[in-house]
Amino acid sequence: MTKGNLFLAILSLLLSSMSLSNSLYIFVPSETRATVVEEYIKTSCNNLEVTAFGRAKDFSTQVEAQPPTAVLTLLPIIERNNQFETVLKGVKDGVTEEDYVIVSVDDPIDLNDLAGVKVGVVDLLGRKPMTEFVGQLLQSDVRLKRVSKIEDLLPLLSFGTADSLFISESVYESIKTKTQVNLVATRVNIKIGLVSAAVGGGSGKDEVASCIRNFGGEINKILGVDSWL
């Protein structure tokens, strides 16, 4: 290789490295595997270093160890991390929040007697923060049963590990098609923010926002939104 070609090769590597200097971490619990989500988003954000996580613990550990340029995750996670500022919110049916329900088997849950009730959730924040978060929302000292994935929710009810589930209405509509168990949803007048994008203190805000706004319909569907605001 001539010196000229060697110089061009090194320059190309440097430019490539620079083009991927901005990173995006993704944690959005769904029935789609994290690796699949990652590949989908890489096709739209090929100028970003994209990493998707399937578990809250893995996501939070990596955010702390090697903070990314931006995160794409549910709003409650962003709101509890002062490191990031929300720049885009996911929109579904014209709103940026989603109704949550308490799901039980056969009979509705008595909302006036939740103390000590075993409530299953997909973990977003870790043991103590998640317990505090759900307890504040339900205004009761419930006993939380955390799982890592949406597909682990139904077994909580099937095996009696939990008395109920605290989940989004969309997750409820999805899981009730996958079981013969008579699931009953009790409305609790609680809304939680949909998936959103947030950036750290450095550069890259415009690059990340542009990428996410250009997500195709299939990616948005996986993330549970229609568009971005």
Foldseek 3Di string as FASTA:
>chain_A
DDPVVVVVVVVVVVVLCVLAVAEEEEEFFFPDDQVVLQVQLCVLQVSYHYGYDQFQVVRVVCCVVPNGQKYKYFPVLVVVDPQWDFDKAFAAPRDQKFFKWKKAFPDDDDLVPQEAFEEEEADNDDDPVVQVVVCVLSVYNYHYDYDRHLVVVVVCRVVVVGRIYIGTPVSVVVVVVVDPTHMDIGGDPDITGAITMIGGDDDDPVSVVVSQQPRDQVSCVRSPGRGMD
